[in-house]
Amino acid sequence: MSAQAQLEAFGALVTERQESFSADLRFMTRAVDPARARQAAVLILFGVLDENPADFHGAAVPDDLDLLFVERAATLNSHPGQIAFPGGGVDEADAGPVAAALREANEETGLDPSGVRILGTLPQVGIPVTNFLVTPVLGWWDRPTPVDVVDEAESASVFRVPVADLLNPANRRTTVVARGGQEHRGPAFLVNGVVVWGFTALIIDSLFNQLGWTLPWDSSREMVPDF
């Protein structure tokens, strides 16, 4: 089965069952008060990027399979400078999380939403620090369009990363974050000269694990991320 077919099947299955995330992500969600949490959505957009194939060739995915990311502006109050999926809060005018994810992706990157095929919605994930409940929306880029920073106050950069490079064991790390007197460990990915960690890395790690794409990597290689 091709990577695209795997994503299509996974999207349909998880949309139906809504129960397919890791224990870490379920714990995060339980730590958020649903009565007070703000609804948000992010777009996990897979596509094919022919002109920049992967450097790593040992993964069980095509070299040209990629994911879209934004680097948040360093001046933002929430998660400044972090690498994220396009997305944001669900507005009253949005028909739901899918509409919100597509709208935010258009506003942040300039992509044409009509070229995106929605494969499904994943279970909501809580972000306790900001009290958000986030719906990850899984998409396939049928008709890619050019992307770039639309608003410098929101994003520092927009880029696409080969999935094979994310799966490369040499690019995997474990982050160690001390917060509230406790030490938290989580996955991280070193790509494009930046570190993908936190909420976004947890989603990627869980998704890759469930798709059976994860390669053995050394989780003892630790790092402290920049805030």
Protein backbone atom coordinates (compact mmCIF):
# COMPACT_ATOMS: atom_id res chain seq x y z
CA MET A 1 0.00 0.00 0.00
CA SER A 2 1.36 3.42 -0.94
CA ALA A 3 1.96 6.12 1.68
CA GLN A 4 -0.95 8.11 0.24
CA ALA A 5 -3.26 5.11 0.45
CA GLN A 6 -2.14 4.48 4.05
CA LEU A 7 -2.97 8.07 4.97
CA GLU A 8 -6.37 7.84 3.29
CA ALA A 9 -7.21 4.61 5.12
CA PHE A 10 -5.94 5.94 8.43
CA GLY A 11 -7.89 9.18 8.05
CA ALA A 12 -11.13 7.31 7.43
CA LEU A 13 -10.53 4.91 10.33
CA VAL A 14 -9.58 7.50 12.94
CA THR A 15 -12.45 9.79 11.93
CA GLU A 16 -14.87 6.94 12.54
CA ARG A 17 -13.38 5.73 15.82
CA GLN A 18 -11.87 8.94 17.31
CA GLU A 19 -9.72 6.91 19.71
CA SER A 20 -6.31 6.54 18.13
CA PHE A 21 -3.89 8.80 19.99
CA SER A 22 -1.08 7.91 22.37
CA ALA A 23 -1.36 7.85 26.15
CA ASP A 24 0.68 11.08 26.40
CA LEU A 25 -1.79 12.95 24.20
CA ARG A 26 -4.80 11.54 26.05
CA PHE A 27 -3.24 12.71 29.32
CA MET A 28 -2.78 16.22 27.92
CA THR A 29 -6.41 16.32 26.87
CA ARG A 30 -7.65 15.26 30.31
CA ALA A 31 -5.65 18.15 31.81
CA VAL A 32 -7.75 20.70 29.90
CA ASP A 33 -11.12 21.91 31.18
CA PRO A 34 -13.46 21.40 28.19
CA ALA A 35 -15.99 23.86 29.60
CA ARG A 36 -13.44 26.69 29.53
CA ALA A 37 -11.12 25.59 26.70
CA ARG A 38 -11.02 27.44 23.41
CA GLN A 39 -11.53 25.33 20.29
CA ALA A 40 -8.75 25.28 17.69
CA ALA A 41 -7.72 23.27 14.64
CA VAL A 42 -4.49 22.56 12.78
CA LEU A 43 -3.94 21.25 9.26
CA ILE A 44 -1.60 18.26 8.93
CA LEU A 45 -1.03 18.56 5.20
CA PHE A 46 0.84 15.85 3.32
CA GLY A 47 1.82 16.28 -0.31
CA VAL A 48 4.46 15.60 -2.95
CA LEU A 49 7.41 17.96 -3.30
CA ASP A 50 9.38 16.83 -6.34
CA GLU A 51 12.04 19.55 -6.39
CA ASN A 52 13.37 18.90 -2.85
CA PRO A 53 13.52 15.15 -2.21
CA ALA A 54 14.62 13.72 1.10
CA ASP A 55 18.26 13.43 2.13
CA PHE A 56 17.48 10.19 3.97
CA HIS A 57 16.49 7.18 1.89
CA GLY A 58 15.92 4.41 4.44
CA ALA A 59 12.34 5.22 5.35
CA ALA A 60 9.28 3.30 4.22
CA VAL A 61 7.86 6.38 2.47
CA PRO A 62 8.66 7.98 -0.90
CA ASP A 63 11.51 10.50 -0.92
CA ASP A 64 9.16 13.20 -2.18
CA LEU A 65 6.43 12.82 0.46
CA ASP A 66 6.38 15.98 2.56
CA LEU A 67 4.62 17.92 5.33
CA LEU A 68 3.83 21.64 5.54
CA PHE A 69 5.01 23.70 8.54
CA VAL A 70 5.07 27.28 9.69
CA GLU A 71 7.59 28.89 12.00
CA ARG A 72 5.69 31.12 14.41
CA ALA A 73 6.85 34.71 14.77
CA ALA A 74 9.17 35.33 17.71
CA THR A 75 6.97 38.24 18.84
CA LEU A 76 3.84 36.15 19.46
CA ASN A 77 2.62 35.77 23.03
CA SER A 78 1.75 32.09 22.56
CA HIS A 79 4.45 29.58 21.57
CA PRO A 80 6.75 32.22 19.97
CA GLY A 81 9.29 30.94 17.46
CA GLN A 82 8.04 27.36 17.55
CA ILE A 83 7.50 25.18 14.49
CA ALA A 84 3.84 24.32 14.04
CA PHE A 85 1.21 23.10 11.65
CA PRO A 86 -0.87 25.86 10.06
CA GLY A 87 -3.88 26.51 12.23
CA GLY A 88 -5.51 28.54 14.96
CA GLY A 89 -8.71 29.21 16.82
CA VAL A 90 -12.11 28.17 15.52
CA ASP A 91 -14.13 31.35 14.89
CA GLU A 92 -17.90 31.66 15.16
CA ALA A 93 -18.07 32.15 11.40
CA ASP A 94 -16.29 28.83 10.74
CA ALA A 95 -18.46 25.84 9.87
CA GLY A 96 -16.27 23.72 12.16
CA PRO A 97 -12.67 22.65 12.74
CA VAL A 98 -12.06 21.62 9.12
CA ALA A 99 -13.16 25.03 7.86
CA ALA A 100 -11.07 26.72 10.54
CA ALA A 101 -7.95 24.73 9.67
CA LEU A 102 -8.28 25.54 5.96
CA ARG A 103 -8.98 29.21 6.62
CA GLU A 104 -6.02 29.57 8.96
CA ALA A 105 -3.73 27.72 6.53
CA ASN A 106 -4.77 30.13 3.77
CA GLU A 107 -4.23 33.16 6.01
CA GLU A 108 -0.83 31.94 7.21
CA THR A 109 0.68 30.42 4.06
CA GLY A 110 -1.41 31.59 1.10
CA LEU A 111 -2.27 28.05 0.00
CA ASP A 112 -5.42 27.53 -2.06
CA PRO A 113 -7.82 25.47 0.12
CA SER A 114 -9.59 24.13 -2.97
CA GLY A 115 -6.50 22.04 -3.73
CA VAL A 116 -6.62 20.30 -0.34
CA ARG A 117 -8.52 17.03 0.10
CA ILE A 118 -9.54 16.34 3.69
CA LEU A 119 -8.79 12.76 4.73
CA GLY A 120 -10.26 12.95 8.21
CA THR A 121 -10.20 14.53 11.63
CA LEU A 122 -8.21 13.13 14.51
CA PRO A 123 -9.33 13.16 18.17
CA GLN A 124 -9.03 16.50 19.94
CA VAL A 125 -5.79 17.10 21.82
CA GLY A 126 -5.51 19.43 24.79
CA ILE A 127 -2.77 22.02 25.31
CA PRO A 128 -2.93 22.62 29.08
CA VAL A 129 -0.53 25.61 29.06
CA THR A 130 -2.93 27.68 26.92
CA ASN A 131 -6.15 25.73 27.65
CA PHE A 132 -6.85 24.91 24.00
CA LEU A 133 -8.61 21.85 22.63
CA VAL A 134 -7.14 21.28 19.18
CA THR A 135 -8.62 19.19 16.38
CA PRO A 136 -5.90 17.90 14.03
CA VAL A 137 -7.24 17.82 10.48
CA LEU A 138 -5.51 15.36 8.15
CA GLY A 139 -5.22 16.47 4.52
CA TRP A 140 -3.69 15.54 1.19
CA TRP A 141 -2.48 18.27 -1.18
CA ASP A 142 -4.01 17.22 -4.50
CA ARG A 143 -3.13 20.51 -6.23
CA PRO A 144 -0.24 22.24 -4.45
CA THR A 145 0.08 26.00 -4.77
CA PRO A 146 3.00 28.26 -3.79
CA VAL A 147 3.23 29.03 -0.07
CA ASP A 148 5.05 31.76 1.84
CA VAL A 149 4.69 34.03 4.83
CA VAL A 150 1.51 36.09 4.51
CA ASP A 151 1.70 38.08 7.75
CA GLU A 152 5.13 38.60 9.34
CA ALA A 153 3.44 39.38 12.64
CA GLU A 154 2.17 35.78 12.67
CA SER A 155 4.85 33.71 10.91
CA ALA A 156 8.60 33.91 10.42
CA SER A 157 8.74 31.28 7.67
CA VAL A 158 6.70 28.67 5.81
CA PHE A 159 8.34 25.49 4.56
CA ARG A 160 7.81 21.89 3.50
CA VAL A 161 9.84 19.01 4.95
CA PRO A 162 10.33 15.53 3.45
CA VAL A 163 8.72 12.97 5.73
CA ALA A 164 11.69 10.63 5.23
CA ASP A 165 13.95 13.23 6.86
CA LEU A 166 11.59 13.44 9.84
CA LEU A 167 11.78 9.65 10.13
CA ASN A 168 15.59 9.62 9.92
CA PRO A 169 16.82 8.28 13.31
CA ALA A 170 19.74 10.73 13.17
CA ASN A 171 17.22 13.59 13.30
CA ARG A 172 15.35 12.30 16.36
CA ARG A 173 15.84 13.65 19.88
CA THR A 174 14.12 13.65 23.27
CA THR A 175 13.40 17.08 24.73
CA VAL A 176 13.71 17.66 28.46
CA VAL A 177 11.67 20.57 29.82
CA ALA A 178 11.46 21.59 33.48
CA ARG A 179 8.14 23.23 34.30
CA GLY A 180 6.23 23.64 37.55
CA GLY A 181 8.77 21.63 39.51
CA GLN A 182 8.41 18.67 37.14
CA GLU A 183 10.54 17.37 34.30
CA HIS A 184 8.74 16.59 31.05
CA ARG A 185 10.18 14.52 28.21
CA GLY A 186 8.89 14.48 24.65
CA PRO A 187 9.89 13.74 21.06
CA ALA A 188 11.70 16.19 18.80
CA PHE A 189 12.79 16.32 15.17
CA LEU A 190 15.80 18.25 13.82
CA VAL A 191 15.03 19.40 10.26
CA ASN A 192 15.61 22.47 8.09
CA GLY A 193 17.97 23.88 10.68
CA VAL A 194 15.18 24.05 13.26
CA VAL A 195 13.75 21.88 16.04
CA VAL A 196 10.19 20.59 15.89
CA TRP A 197 9.12 19.86 19.46
CA GLY A 198 6.23 20.26 21.89
CA PHE A 199 2.64 19.77 20.72
CA THR A 200 3.54 19.49 17.02
CA ALA A 201 6.23 16.86 17.61
CA LEU A 202 3.89 14.83 19.83
CA ILE A 203 1.29 14.75 17.06
CA ILE A 204 3.88 13.76 14.43
CA ASP A 205 5.38 11.07 16.66
CA SER A 206 1.97 9.56 17.44
CA LEU A 207 0.89 9.70 13.80
CA PHE A 208 4.06 8.04 12.52
CA ASN A 209 3.83 5.34 15.19
CA GLN A 210 0.26 4.50 14.26
CA LEU A 211 1.06 4.42 10.55
CA GLY A 212 3.93 2.02 11.23
CA TRP A 213 6.49 4.41 9.72
CA THR A 214 8.68 5.03 12.78
CA LEU A 215 12.22 3.67 12.59
CA PRO A 216 14.19 2.61 15.69
CA TRP A 217 15.94 5.64 17.20
CA ASP A 218 17.98 6.46 20.28
CA SER A 219 15.62 8.16 22.75
CA SER A 220 18.52 8.72 25.17
CA ARG A 221 19.80 11.54 22.94
CA GLU A 222 18.37 14.43 24.94
CA MET A 223 18.21 18.16 24.38
CA VAL A 224 16.73 21.24 26.07
CA PRO A 225 14.71 23.26 23.52
CA ASP A 226 14.93 27.02 23.20
CA PHE A 227 11.83 28.84 24.43
